[in-house]
Amino acid sequence: MHWTQSHVAAVCIIEMALLVMACGGEATDAPAGESAADAAPAQAASGEQTTIGGGKAALVHPGDGGSPHVKVDWVVSGANISITYGRPYLKGRVIGKTVEPMEGQVWRLGADEATTLTSDKDLMIGNLHVPAGSHTLWVLDSGDTWDLIINRQIGQWGTDYDPSGDLGRAKLTVSQSSTPADQLTLSIADGMFKVDWGTAVATVAIVVH
């Protein structure tokens, strides 16, 4: 049988296609000197590091209900402080009516898992001494004000609040903003811990002890 150049080219194309299928997928372009396998993790990780509330944030997981769970790190007076929390969106809901915090109820100060504060040095939050380590943060809307609750229990789901584990409470000063925050944002800056949620802005002093 006489093989023309077109026959040879067709066979080569078929062989290449079969090789790709045998390897389990399509070929991926990679920079010179770098394999596709080396390039993939870098591409997956890109965009996960960002800035939220004045701190360096990394995505923990996207959240089952669409509220991304993030870990945000700050350095304050030599202390390494982080808060890990779910960041819900208002999506047209009204605080106190169709979305937390609700008056008289304890809120997880976020979404999904309980919000966790970690510091490698002792802190003063309001008038409350918070020892180094990890604690969960909660908010109680008492009607007149918000209380920030610091609890010793960690690792629980955000609906599993146990008051027997409370370290104590600090009063939050609540004001109204003319620029609503559609997504919950927790921040630490200028000696203040701040919650931005809808038109509500709640703050309390935070100092490295």
N, C-alpha and C. Protein backbone atom coordinates (compact mmCIF):
# COMPACT_ATOMS: atom_id res chain seq x y z
N MET A 1 0.85 -1.19 0.00
CA MET A 1 0.00 0.00 0.00
C MET A 1 0.88 1.23 0.00
N HIS A 2 0.55 2.19 -0.84
CA HIS A 2 1.34 3.41 -0.96
C HIS A 2 0.80 4.47 -0.01
N TRP A 3 1.68 4.97 0.91
CA TRP A 3 1.27 5.98 1.91
C TRP A 3 1.64 7.37 1.41
N THR A 4 0.66 8.20 1.31
CA THR A 4 0.91 9.59 0.93
C THR A 4 1.18 10.40 2.19
N GLN A 5 1.65 11.61 2.02
CA GLN A 5 1.92 12.49 3.18
C GLN A 5 0.64 12.77 3.95
N SER A 6 -0.48 12.86 3.27
CA SER A 6 -1.75 13.14 3.95
C SER A 6 -2.16 11.96 4.82
N HIS A 7 -1.89 10.69 4.32
CA HIS A 7 -2.20 9.51 5.12
C HIS A 7 -1.36 9.49 6.39
N VAL A 8 -0.07 9.81 6.28
CA VAL A 8 0.84 9.82 7.44
C VAL A 8 0.39 10.84 8.46
N ALA A 9 0.02 12.02 7.97
CA ALA A 9 -0.42 13.09 8.88
C ALA A 9 -1.67 12.68 9.63
N ALA A 10 -2.62 12.02 8.95
CA ALA A 10 -3.86 11.61 9.58
C ALA A 10 -3.60 10.58 10.67
N VAL A 11 -2.70 9.63 10.39
CA VAL A 11 -2.38 8.61 11.39
C VAL A 11 -1.73 9.24 12.62
N CYS A 12 -0.84 10.22 12.41
CA CYS A 12 -0.17 10.90 13.53
C CYS A 12 -1.18 11.61 14.41
N ILE A 13 -2.14 12.25 13.78
CA ILE A 13 -3.17 12.97 14.54
C ILE A 13 -3.98 12.01 15.39
N ILE A 14 -4.37 10.87 14.80
CA ILE A 14 -5.14 9.86 15.53
C ILE A 14 -4.33 9.32 16.70
N GLU A 15 -3.05 9.03 16.50
CA GLU A 15 -2.21 8.50 17.56
C GLU A 15 -2.07 9.50 18.70
N MET A 16 -1.94 10.78 18.38
CA MET A 16 -1.83 11.80 19.43
C MET A 16 -3.12 11.88 20.24
N ALA A 17 -4.26 11.79 19.56
CA ALA A 17 -5.55 11.86 20.26
C ALA A 17 -5.70 10.68 21.21
N LEU A 18 -5.31 9.47 20.74
CA LEU A 18 -5.39 8.29 21.59
C LEU A 18 -4.47 8.40 22.79
N LEU A 19 -3.30 9.03 22.62
CA LEU A 19 -2.36 9.20 23.72
C LEU A 19 -2.93 10.12 24.79
N VAL A 20 -3.55 11.21 24.39
CA VAL A 20 -4.16 12.14 25.34
C VAL A 20 -5.27 11.46 26.11
N MET A 21 -6.11 10.66 25.39
CA MET A 21 -7.21 9.95 26.07
C MET A 21 -6.68 8.94 27.07
N ALA A 22 -5.60 8.30 26.74
CA ALA A 22 -5.01 7.31 27.63
C ALA A 22 -4.46 7.94 28.88
N CYS A 23 -4.01 9.20 28.78
CA CYS A 23 -3.46 9.91 29.93
C CYS A 23 -4.55 10.51 30.79
N GLY A 24 -5.79 10.44 30.33
CA GLY A 24 -6.91 10.85 31.18
C GLY A 24 -7.35 12.27 31.02
N GLY A 25 -7.00 12.97 29.96
CA GLY A 25 -7.49 14.34 29.83
C GLY A 25 -6.80 15.06 28.71
N GLU A 26 -7.03 16.37 28.69
CA GLU A 26 -6.48 17.19 27.65
C GLU A 26 -5.13 17.71 28.07
N ALA A 27 -4.32 18.05 27.10
CA ALA A 27 -3.02 18.64 27.40
C ALA A 27 -3.21 20.06 27.89
N THR A 28 -2.34 20.51 28.84
CA THR A 28 -2.42 21.86 29.39
C THR A 28 -1.14 22.60 29.08
N ASP A 29 -1.28 23.82 28.59
CA ASP A 29 -0.11 24.63 28.30
C ASP A 29 0.58 25.00 29.60
N ALA A 30 1.91 25.00 29.62
CA ALA A 30 2.68 25.40 30.79
C ALA A 30 3.85 26.22 30.34
N PRO A 31 4.38 27.12 31.20
CA PRO A 31 5.55 27.90 30.83
C PRO A 31 6.73 27.01 30.53
N ALA A 32 7.68 27.54 29.74
CA ALA A 32 8.86 26.78 29.38
C ALA A 32 9.58 26.31 30.63
N GLY A 33 9.97 25.03 30.67
CA GLY A 33 10.69 24.48 31.80
C GLY A 33 9.79 24.06 32.95
N GLU A 34 8.45 24.23 32.81
CA GLU A 34 7.51 23.86 33.86
C GLU A 34 6.47 22.93 33.29
N SER A 35 6.18 21.84 34.00
CA SER A 35 5.20 20.90 33.52
C SER A 35 3.80 21.41 33.79
N ALA A 36 2.80 20.83 33.10
CA ALA A 36 1.41 21.21 33.33
C ALA A 36 1.01 20.89 34.76
N ALA A 37 1.54 19.80 35.32
CA ALA A 37 1.21 19.43 36.70
C ALA A 37 1.71 20.47 37.68
N ASP A 38 2.88 21.05 37.42
CA ASP A 38 3.42 22.10 38.28
C ASP A 38 2.61 23.37 38.17
N ALA A 39 2.10 23.67 36.99
CA ALA A 39 1.38 24.92 36.76
C ALA A 39 0.01 24.91 37.39
N ALA A 40 -0.66 23.75 37.45
CA ALA A 40 -2.05 23.68 37.90
C ALA A 40 -2.26 24.19 39.32
N PRO A 41 -1.44 23.77 40.34
CA PRO A 41 -1.68 24.25 41.70
C PRO A 41 -1.56 25.76 41.81
N ALA A 42 -0.60 26.36 41.10
CA ALA A 42 -0.42 27.81 41.16
C ALA A 42 -1.65 28.52 40.61
N GLN A 43 -2.22 28.00 39.54
CA GLN A 43 -3.41 28.61 38.97
C GLN A 43 -4.59 28.48 39.91
N ALA A 44 -4.73 27.34 40.61
CA ALA A 44 -5.85 27.12 41.52
C ALA A 44 -5.77 28.04 42.72
N ALA A 45 -4.54 28.37 43.16
CA ALA A 45 -4.36 29.17 44.37
C ALA A 45 -4.48 30.66 44.09
N SER A 46 -4.33 31.08 42.84
CA SER A 46 -4.33 32.50 42.53
C SER A 46 -5.67 33.12 42.85
N GLY A 47 -5.64 34.35 43.40
CA GLY A 47 -6.87 35.06 43.70
C GLY A 47 -7.46 34.75 45.05
N GLU A 48 -6.91 33.76 45.78
CA GLU A 48 -7.46 33.41 47.08
C GLU A 48 -6.99 34.37 48.17
N GLN A 49 -5.84 35.02 48.00
CA GLN A 49 -5.33 35.98 48.97
C GLN A 49 -5.84 37.36 48.62
N THR A 50 -6.41 38.05 49.60
CA THR A 50 -6.94 39.38 49.35
C THR A 50 -6.89 40.18 50.63
N THR A 51 -7.51 41.36 50.65
CA THR A 51 -7.56 42.20 51.85
C THR A 51 -9.01 42.42 52.23
N ILE A 52 -9.34 42.14 53.50
CA ILE A 52 -10.70 42.36 54.02
C ILE A 52 -10.57 43.02 55.37
N GLY A 53 -11.27 44.12 55.58
CA GLY A 53 -11.27 44.77 56.88
C GLY A 53 -9.90 45.18 57.37
N GLY A 54 -9.01 45.54 56.43
CA GLY A 54 -7.67 45.97 56.79
C GLY A 54 -6.70 44.84 57.07
N GLY A 55 -7.14 43.59 56.94
CA GLY A 55 -6.26 42.44 57.19
C GLY A 55 -6.07 41.60 55.94
N LYS A 56 -5.09 40.71 55.99
CA LYS A 56 -4.82 39.80 54.88
C LYS A 56 -5.74 38.60 55.00
N ALA A 57 -6.52 38.36 53.96
CA ALA A 57 -7.56 37.32 54.02
C ALA A 57 -7.25 36.19 53.05
N ALA A 58 -7.61 34.99 53.46
CA ALA A 58 -7.50 33.81 52.60
C ALA A 58 -8.80 33.03 52.69
N LEU A 59 -9.24 32.50 51.56
CA LEU A 59 -10.47 31.73 51.52
C LEU A 59 -10.28 30.39 52.22
N VAL A 60 -11.19 30.06 53.16
CA VAL A 60 -11.17 28.76 53.82
C VAL A 60 -12.00 27.77 53.02
N HIS A 61 -13.24 28.15 52.70
CA HIS A 61 -14.09 27.38 51.79
C HIS A 61 -15.21 28.30 51.32
N PRO A 62 -15.85 27.99 50.18
CA PRO A 62 -16.85 28.89 49.61
C PRO A 62 -18.13 29.00 50.42
N GLY A 63 -18.43 28.04 51.28
CA GLY A 63 -19.66 28.08 52.07
C GLY A 63 -20.80 27.40 51.36
N ASP A 64 -21.51 26.52 52.07
CA ASP A 64 -22.59 25.75 51.44
C ASP A 64 -23.74 26.63 50.97
N GLY A 65 -24.01 27.71 51.70
CA GLY A 65 -25.12 28.59 51.34
C GLY A 65 -24.70 29.81 50.56
N GLY A 66 -23.47 29.82 50.07
CA GLY A 66 -23.00 30.96 49.28
C GLY A 66 -22.34 32.05 50.09
N SER A 67 -22.05 31.77 51.38
CA SER A 67 -21.34 32.73 52.23
C SER A 67 -19.89 32.27 52.37
N PRO A 68 -18.96 32.90 51.66
CA PRO A 68 -17.56 32.45 51.73
C PRO A 68 -17.02 32.52 53.15
N HIS A 69 -16.28 31.48 53.55
CA HIS A 69 -15.68 31.41 54.87
C HIS A 69 -14.22 31.82 54.71
N VAL A 70 -13.79 32.86 55.45
CA VAL A 70 -12.45 33.40 55.28
C VAL A 70 -11.71 33.45 56.60
N LYS A 71 -10.39 33.47 56.51
CA LYS A 71 -9.53 33.71 57.67
C LYS A 71 -8.78 35.00 57.39
N VAL A 72 -8.94 35.97 58.28
CA VAL A 72 -8.33 37.28 58.09
C VAL A 72 -7.30 37.50 59.20
N ASP A 73 -6.11 37.93 58.83
CA ASP A 73 -5.00 38.12 59.77
C ASP A 73 -4.60 39.59 59.88
N TRP A 74 -4.39 40.03 61.12
CA TRP A 74 -3.87 41.36 61.40
C TRP A 74 -2.66 41.24 62.32
N VAL A 75 -1.78 42.22 62.26
CA VAL A 75 -0.71 42.36 63.25
C VAL A 75 -0.96 43.67 63.97
N VAL A 76 -1.22 43.58 65.29
CA VAL A 76 -1.57 44.74 66.10
C VAL A 76 -0.63 44.82 67.29
N SER A 77 0.18 45.86 67.34
CA SER A 77 1.12 46.05 68.46
C SER A 77 1.93 44.80 68.75
N GLY A 78 2.38 44.13 67.68
CA GLY A 78 3.20 42.94 67.82
C GLY A 78 2.43 41.65 68.04
N ALA A 79 1.10 41.73 68.14
CA ALA A 79 0.28 40.53 68.31
C ALA A 79 -0.26 40.07 66.97
N ASN A 80 -0.27 38.76 66.76
CA ASN A 80 -0.87 38.17 65.57
C ASN A 80 -2.31 37.79 65.90
N ILE A 81 -3.23 38.48 65.27
CA ILE A 81 -4.65 38.28 65.54
C ILE A 81 -5.33 37.82 64.26
N SER A 82 -6.19 36.82 64.36
CA SER A 82 -6.95 36.38 63.19
C SER A 82 -8.40 36.15 63.57
N ILE A 83 -9.28 36.34 62.59
CA ILE A 83 -10.69 36.03 62.75
C ILE A 83 -11.11 35.17 61.56
N THR A 84 -11.72 34.05 61.85
CA THR A 84 -12.22 33.14 60.81
C THR A 84 -13.74 33.15 60.88
N TYR A 85 -14.38 33.52 59.77
CA TYR A 85 -15.84 33.66 59.80
C TYR A 85 -16.46 33.54 58.42
N GLY A 86 -17.76 33.24 58.40
CA GLY A 86 -18.51 33.21 57.16
C GLY A 86 -19.04 34.61 56.87
N ARG A 87 -19.02 35.01 55.59
CA ARG A 87 -19.40 36.37 55.20
C ARG A 87 -20.71 36.35 54.39
N PRO A 88 -21.86 36.40 55.06
CA PRO A 88 -23.13 36.38 54.33
C PRO A 88 -23.38 37.69 53.59
N TYR A 89 -24.30 37.63 52.62
CA TYR A 89 -24.78 38.81 51.90
C TYR A 89 -26.20 39.13 52.37
N LEU A 90 -26.53 40.40 52.41
CA LEU A 90 -27.89 40.78 52.78
C LEU A 90 -28.91 40.37 51.72
N LYS A 91 -28.58 40.64 50.46
CA LYS A 91 -29.47 40.29 49.34
C LYS A 91 -30.90 40.82 49.56
N GLY A 92 -30.99 42.07 50.00
CA GLY A 92 -32.29 42.70 50.15
C GLY A 92 -32.97 42.44 51.48
N ARG A 93 -32.38 41.60 52.33
CA ARG A 93 -33.00 41.31 53.62
C ARG A 93 -32.78 42.47 54.59
N VAL A 94 -33.58 42.52 55.64
CA VAL A 94 -33.54 43.63 56.59
C VAL A 94 -33.07 43.11 57.94
N ILE A 95 -32.02 43.72 58.48
CA ILE A 95 -31.48 43.32 59.78
C ILE A 95 -32.55 43.48 60.85
N GLY A 96 -32.71 42.46 61.67
CA GLY A 96 -33.68 42.49 62.76
C GLY A 96 -35.07 42.04 62.36
N LYS A 97 -35.29 41.90 61.04
CA LYS A 97 -36.61 41.47 60.56
C LYS A 97 -36.52 40.16 59.79
N THR A 98 -35.64 40.14 58.80
CA THR A 98 -35.51 38.93 57.97
C THR A 98 -34.11 38.35 58.01
N VAL A 99 -33.21 38.96 58.75
CA VAL A 99 -31.84 38.45 58.86
C VAL A 99 -31.27 38.87 60.23
N GLU A 100 -30.35 38.05 60.76
CA GLU A 100 -29.73 38.33 62.04
C GLU A 100 -28.84 39.59 61.97
N PRO A 101 -28.64 40.20 63.16
CA PRO A 101 -29.10 39.79 64.49
C PRO A 101 -30.57 40.14 64.74
N MET A 102 -31.26 39.23 65.40
CA MET A 102 -32.64 39.45 65.81
C MET A 102 -32.66 39.82 67.29
N GLU A 103 -33.54 40.72 67.67
CA GLU A 103 -33.61 41.17 69.06
C GLU A 103 -33.88 39.99 69.99
N GLY A 104 -33.04 39.89 71.04
CA GLY A 104 -33.21 38.85 72.05
C GLY A 104 -32.60 37.52 71.69
N GLN A 105 -31.97 37.41 70.52
CA GLN A 105 -31.38 36.14 70.09
C GLN A 105 -29.87 36.30 69.88
N VAL A 106 -29.13 35.23 70.21
CA VAL A 106 -27.68 35.24 70.01
C VAL A 106 -27.37 34.87 68.57
N TRP A 107 -26.53 35.66 67.94
CA TRP A 107 -26.15 35.47 66.53
C TRP A 107 -24.69 35.05 66.46
N ARG A 108 -24.38 34.20 65.50
CA ARG A 108 -23.02 33.66 65.33
C ARG A 108 -22.04 34.68 64.78
N LEU A 109 -22.46 35.88 64.51
CA LEU A 109 -21.62 36.94 63.94
C LEU A 109 -20.98 36.47 62.63
N GLY A 110 -21.82 35.90 61.78
CA GLY A 110 -21.34 35.40 60.51
C GLY A 110 -22.30 34.37 59.96
N ALA A 111 -21.75 33.40 59.23
CA ALA A 111 -22.56 32.33 58.65
C ALA A 111 -21.84 31.00 58.85
N ASP A 112 -22.63 29.92 58.83
CA ASP A 112 -22.08 28.56 58.93
C ASP A 112 -21.40 28.32 60.28
N GLU A 113 -20.11 27.95 60.28
CA GLU A 113 -19.42 27.66 61.53
C GLU A 113 -19.34 28.90 62.43
N ALA A 114 -19.15 28.66 63.73
CA ALA A 114 -19.01 29.77 64.67
C ALA A 114 -17.80 30.62 64.31
N THR A 115 -17.92 31.92 64.48
CA THR A 115 -16.83 32.85 64.20
C THR A 115 -15.75 32.71 65.28
N THR A 116 -14.49 32.58 64.85
CA THR A 116 -13.39 32.30 65.79
C THR A 116 -12.34 33.40 65.77
N LEU A 117 -12.03 33.90 66.96
CA LEU A 117 -10.96 34.89 67.16
C LEU A 117 -9.76 34.18 67.76
N THR A 118 -8.57 34.40 67.19
CA THR A 118 -7.35 33.80 67.70
C THR A 118 -6.29 34.89 67.86
N SER A 119 -5.60 34.90 69.00
CA SER A 119 -4.51 35.86 69.24
C SER A 119 -3.39 35.17 69.98
N ASP A 120 -2.15 35.53 69.66
CA ASP A 120 -1.01 34.95 70.38
C ASP A 120 -0.59 35.81 71.58
N LYS A 121 -1.38 36.88 71.85
CA LYS A 121 -1.15 37.69 73.04
C LYS A 121 -2.50 38.03 73.68
N ASP A 122 -2.47 38.33 74.98
CA ASP A 122 -3.69 38.72 75.67
C ASP A 122 -4.25 40.01 75.08
N LEU A 123 -5.57 40.12 75.10
CA LEU A 123 -6.25 41.30 74.57
C LEU A 123 -7.19 41.89 75.61
N MET A 124 -7.48 43.17 75.46
CA MET A 124 -8.59 43.80 76.16
C MET A 124 -9.60 44.18 75.09
N ILE A 125 -10.80 43.63 75.19
CA ILE A 125 -11.88 43.99 74.27
C ILE A 125 -12.94 44.70 75.12
N GLY A 126 -13.06 46.00 74.90
CA GLY A 126 -13.86 46.78 75.82
C GLY A 126 -13.23 46.68 77.20
N ASN A 127 -13.99 46.31 78.23
CA ASN A 127 -13.48 46.13 79.59
C ASN A 127 -13.19 44.68 79.92
N LEU A 128 -13.23 43.80 78.89
CA LEU A 128 -13.05 42.37 79.11
C LEU A 128 -11.63 41.92 78.77
N HIS A 129 -10.98 41.24 79.71
CA HIS A 129 -9.66 40.68 79.44
C HIS A 129 -9.83 39.33 78.74
N VAL A 130 -9.21 39.22 77.56
CA VAL A 130 -9.30 37.99 76.75
C VAL A 130 -7.90 37.38 76.67
N PRO A 131 -7.67 36.23 77.30
CA PRO A 131 -6.34 35.63 77.26
C PRO A 131 -5.97 35.14 75.86
N ALA A 132 -4.68 35.02 75.64
CA ALA A 132 -4.19 34.50 74.35
C ALA A 132 -4.80 33.13 74.08
N GLY A 133 -5.02 32.85 72.80
CA GLY A 133 -5.63 31.58 72.41
C GLY A 133 -6.79 31.83 71.48
N SER A 134 -7.68 30.85 71.37
CA SER A 134 -8.82 30.93 70.45
C SER A 134 -10.13 30.98 71.24
N HIS A 135 -11.04 31.82 70.76
CA HIS A 135 -12.38 31.96 71.34
C HIS A 135 -13.37 32.18 70.21
N THR A 136 -14.64 31.92 70.47
CA THR A 136 -15.65 32.23 69.47
C THR A 136 -16.37 33.53 69.84
N LEU A 137 -16.82 34.23 68.80
CA LEU A 137 -17.48 35.52 68.96
C LEU A 137 -18.95 35.40 68.58
N TRP A 138 -19.80 36.04 69.36
CA TRP A 138 -21.24 36.02 69.15
C TRP A 138 -21.78 37.42 69.43
N VAL A 139 -22.96 37.71 68.94
CA VAL A 139 -23.59 39.01 69.19
C VAL A 139 -25.01 38.79 69.69
N LEU A 140 -25.37 39.55 70.74
CA LEU A 140 -26.74 39.57 71.24
C LEU A 140 -27.30 40.96 71.07
N ASP A 141 -28.39 41.07 70.31
CA ASP A 141 -29.10 42.33 70.16
C ASP A 141 -30.10 42.43 71.31
N SER A 142 -29.81 43.33 72.25
CA SER A 142 -30.69 43.45 73.42
C SER A 142 -31.79 44.49 73.21
N GLY A 143 -31.83 45.07 72.03
CA GLY A 143 -32.83 46.08 71.73
C GLY A 143 -32.26 47.47 71.81
N ASP A 144 -31.58 47.78 72.92
CA ASP A 144 -30.95 49.09 73.08
C ASP A 144 -29.54 49.12 72.52
N THR A 145 -28.87 47.98 72.57
CA THR A 145 -27.49 47.91 72.11
C THR A 145 -27.17 46.49 71.69
N TRP A 146 -25.95 46.27 71.22
CA TRP A 146 -25.46 44.94 70.91
C TRP A 146 -24.39 44.57 71.92
N ASP A 147 -24.41 43.32 72.37
CA ASP A 147 -23.35 42.79 73.23
C ASP A 147 -22.48 41.84 72.41
N LEU A 148 -21.16 42.04 72.47
CA LEU A 148 -20.22 41.10 71.88
C LEU A 148 -19.90 40.05 72.93
N ILE A 149 -20.21 38.79 72.63
CA ILE A 149 -19.99 37.69 73.57
C ILE A 149 -18.73 36.94 73.14
N ILE A 150 -17.82 36.75 74.10
CA ILE A 150 -16.61 35.96 73.85
C ILE A 150 -16.76 34.64 74.60
N ASN A 151 -16.67 33.53 73.87
CA ASN A 151 -16.94 32.21 74.43
C ASN A 151 -15.71 31.33 74.29
N ARG A 152 -15.46 30.50 75.32
CA ARG A 152 -14.26 29.64 75.33
C ARG A 152 -14.36 28.45 74.37
N GLN A 153 -15.58 28.02 74.06
CA GLN A 153 -15.74 26.85 73.20
C GLN A 153 -15.38 27.21 71.76
N ILE A 154 -14.70 26.32 71.06
CA ILE A 154 -14.35 26.54 69.66
C ILE A 154 -14.67 25.29 68.85
N GLY A 155 -14.77 25.45 67.54
CA GLY A 155 -14.96 24.32 66.64
C GLY A 155 -16.40 23.91 66.45
N GLN A 156 -17.34 24.63 67.05
CA GLN A 156 -18.75 24.25 66.95
C GLN A 156 -19.43 24.91 65.75
N TRP A 157 -20.60 24.37 65.39
CA TRP A 157 -21.42 24.99 64.36
C TRP A 157 -22.02 26.28 64.94
N GLY A 158 -22.36 27.21 64.07
CA GLY A 158 -22.77 28.52 64.53
C GLY A 158 -24.11 28.61 65.22
N THR A 159 -24.86 27.51 65.26
CA THR A 159 -26.12 27.51 66.01
C THR A 159 -25.96 26.81 67.36
N ASP A 160 -24.74 26.34 67.66
CA ASP A 160 -24.51 25.58 68.89
C ASP A 160 -23.88 26.45 69.98
N TYR A 161 -24.50 27.58 70.25
CA TYR A 161 -23.99 28.47 71.29
C TYR A 161 -24.31 27.91 72.67
N ASP A 162 -23.30 27.83 73.53
CA ASP A 162 -23.47 27.31 74.89
C ASP A 162 -23.03 28.41 75.87
N PRO A 163 -23.97 29.07 76.54
CA PRO A 163 -23.62 30.18 77.43
C PRO A 163 -22.74 29.77 78.60
N SER A 164 -22.70 28.47 78.93
CA SER A 164 -21.85 28.04 80.04
C SER A 164 -20.36 28.23 79.72
N GLY A 165 -20.04 28.39 78.44
CA GLY A 165 -18.66 28.59 78.04
C GLY A 165 -18.26 30.04 77.90
N ASP A 166 -19.15 30.97 78.26
CA ASP A 166 -18.87 32.39 78.08
C ASP A 166 -17.70 32.85 78.94
N LEU A 167 -16.77 33.54 78.30
CA LEU A 167 -15.70 34.23 79.02
C LEU A 167 -16.24 35.56 79.57
N GLY A 168 -17.07 36.22 78.76
CA GLY A 168 -17.65 37.49 79.18
C GLY A 168 -18.22 38.23 77.98
N ARG A 169 -18.64 39.47 78.24
CA ARG A 169 -19.27 40.28 77.20
C ARG A 169 -18.69 41.69 77.19
N ALA A 170 -18.77 42.31 76.02
CA ALA A 170 -18.34 43.70 75.86
C ALA A 170 -19.42 44.44 75.07
N LYS A 171 -19.71 45.66 75.49
CA LYS A 171 -20.73 46.45 74.81
C LYS A 171 -20.21 46.99 73.49
N LEU A 172 -21.01 46.83 72.45
CA LEU A 172 -20.70 47.41 71.14
C LEU A 172 -21.46 48.71 70.98
N THR A 173 -20.78 49.72 70.47
CA THR A 173 -21.44 50.98 70.14
C THR A 173 -21.97 50.87 68.72
N VAL A 174 -23.27 51.01 68.55
CA VAL A 174 -23.90 50.80 67.25
C VAL A 174 -24.33 52.15 66.67
N SER A 175 -23.91 52.41 65.43
CA SER A 175 -24.32 53.61 64.71
C SER A 175 -24.81 53.21 63.33
N GLN A 176 -25.26 54.18 62.56
CA GLN A 176 -25.78 53.92 61.22
C GLN A 176 -24.88 54.54 60.16
N SER A 177 -24.68 53.80 59.08
CA SER A 177 -23.85 54.27 57.98
C SER A 177 -24.73 54.63 56.78
N SER A 178 -24.31 55.64 56.05
CA SER A 178 -25.04 56.05 54.85
C SER A 178 -24.65 55.19 53.64
N THR A 179 -23.62 54.37 53.81
CA THR A 179 -23.18 53.47 52.73
C THR A 179 -23.28 52.03 53.22
N PRO A 180 -24.43 51.38 53.03
CA PRO A 180 -24.66 50.04 53.56
C PRO A 180 -23.64 49.01 53.05
N ALA A 181 -23.29 48.08 53.92
CA ALA A 181 -22.41 46.97 53.56
C ALA A 181 -23.29 45.76 53.23
N ASP A 182 -23.35 45.38 51.97
CA ASP A 182 -24.19 44.26 51.58
C ASP A 182 -23.62 42.92 52.05
N GLN A 183 -22.30 42.90 52.30
CA GLN A 183 -21.66 41.68 52.80
C GLN A 183 -21.03 41.97 54.16
N LEU A 184 -21.24 41.07 55.11
CA LEU A 184 -20.69 41.25 56.45
C LEU A 184 -19.17 41.40 56.40
N THR A 185 -18.66 42.42 57.10
CA THR A 185 -17.22 42.65 57.16
C THR A 185 -16.81 42.93 58.60
N LEU A 186 -15.85 42.16 59.10
CA LEU A 186 -15.25 42.38 60.41
C LEU A 186 -13.86 42.98 60.20
N SER A 187 -13.53 43.98 60.98
CA SER A 187 -12.23 44.63 60.79
C SER A 187 -11.62 45.03 62.11
N ILE A 188 -10.30 45.18 62.11
CA ILE A 188 -9.54 45.68 63.25
C ILE A 188 -8.64 46.79 62.73
N ALA A 189 -8.82 47.99 63.24
CA ALA A 189 -8.02 49.13 62.81
C ALA A 189 -8.16 50.26 63.81
N ASP A 190 -7.07 51.00 64.00
CA ASP A 190 -7.08 52.18 64.87
C ASP A 190 -7.60 51.87 66.27
N GLY A 191 -7.23 50.70 66.78
CA GLY A 191 -7.61 50.33 68.13
C GLY A 191 -9.07 49.95 68.31
N MET A 192 -9.75 49.66 67.21
CA MET A 192 -11.17 49.31 67.29
C MET A 192 -11.45 48.02 66.54
N PHE A 193 -12.32 47.20 67.11
CA PHE A 193 -12.92 46.06 66.40
C PHE A 193 -14.25 46.55 65.85
N LYS A 194 -14.49 46.32 64.56
CA LYS A 194 -15.68 46.89 63.92
C LYS A 194 -16.44 45.84 63.13
N VAL A 195 -17.77 45.95 63.20
CA VAL A 195 -18.68 45.11 62.42
C VAL A 195 -19.45 46.01 61.47
N ASP A 196 -19.34 45.76 60.18
CA ASP A 196 -20.14 46.46 59.16
C ASP A 196 -21.14 45.48 58.59
N TRP A 197 -22.43 45.77 58.75
CA TRP A 197 -23.48 44.85 58.31
C TRP A 197 -24.71 45.67 57.97
N GLY A 198 -25.01 45.76 56.67
CA GLY A 198 -26.09 46.63 56.24
C GLY A 198 -25.75 48.07 56.59
N THR A 199 -26.68 48.79 57.16
CA THR A 199 -26.41 50.17 57.58
C THR A 199 -25.82 50.23 58.99
N ALA A 200 -25.77 49.09 59.69
CA ALA A 200 -25.27 49.06 61.07
C ALA A 200 -23.75 49.02 61.10
N VAL A 201 -23.17 49.84 61.96
CA VAL A 201 -21.74 49.83 62.24
C VAL A 201 -21.57 49.69 63.75
N ALA A 202 -21.01 48.57 64.19
CA ALA A 202 -20.85 48.30 65.62
C ALA A 202 -19.37 48.24 65.95
N THR A 203 -18.95 48.96 67.00
CA THR A 203 -17.53 49.04 67.33
C THR A 203 -17.29 48.85 68.83
N VAL A 204 -16.08 48.40 69.15
CA VAL A 204 -15.62 48.30 70.52
C VAL A 204 -14.10 48.39 70.50
N ALA A 205 -13.52 48.98 71.55
CA ALA A 205 -12.07 49.10 71.62
C ALA A 205 -11.40 47.74 71.77
N ILE A 206 -10.26 47.57 71.11
CA ILE A 206 -9.47 46.33 71.24
C ILE A 206 -8.02 46.75 71.41
N VAL A 207 -7.40 46.24 72.46
CA VAL A 207 -6.03 46.63 72.82
C VAL A 207 -5.24 45.38 73.16
N VAL A 208 -3.99 45.33 72.71
CA VAL A 208 -3.10 44.23 73.09
C VAL A 208 -2.68 44.47 74.54
N HIS A 209 -2.88 43.47 75.39
CA HIS A 209 -2.69 43.64 76.83
C HIS A 209 -1.27 43.26 77.25
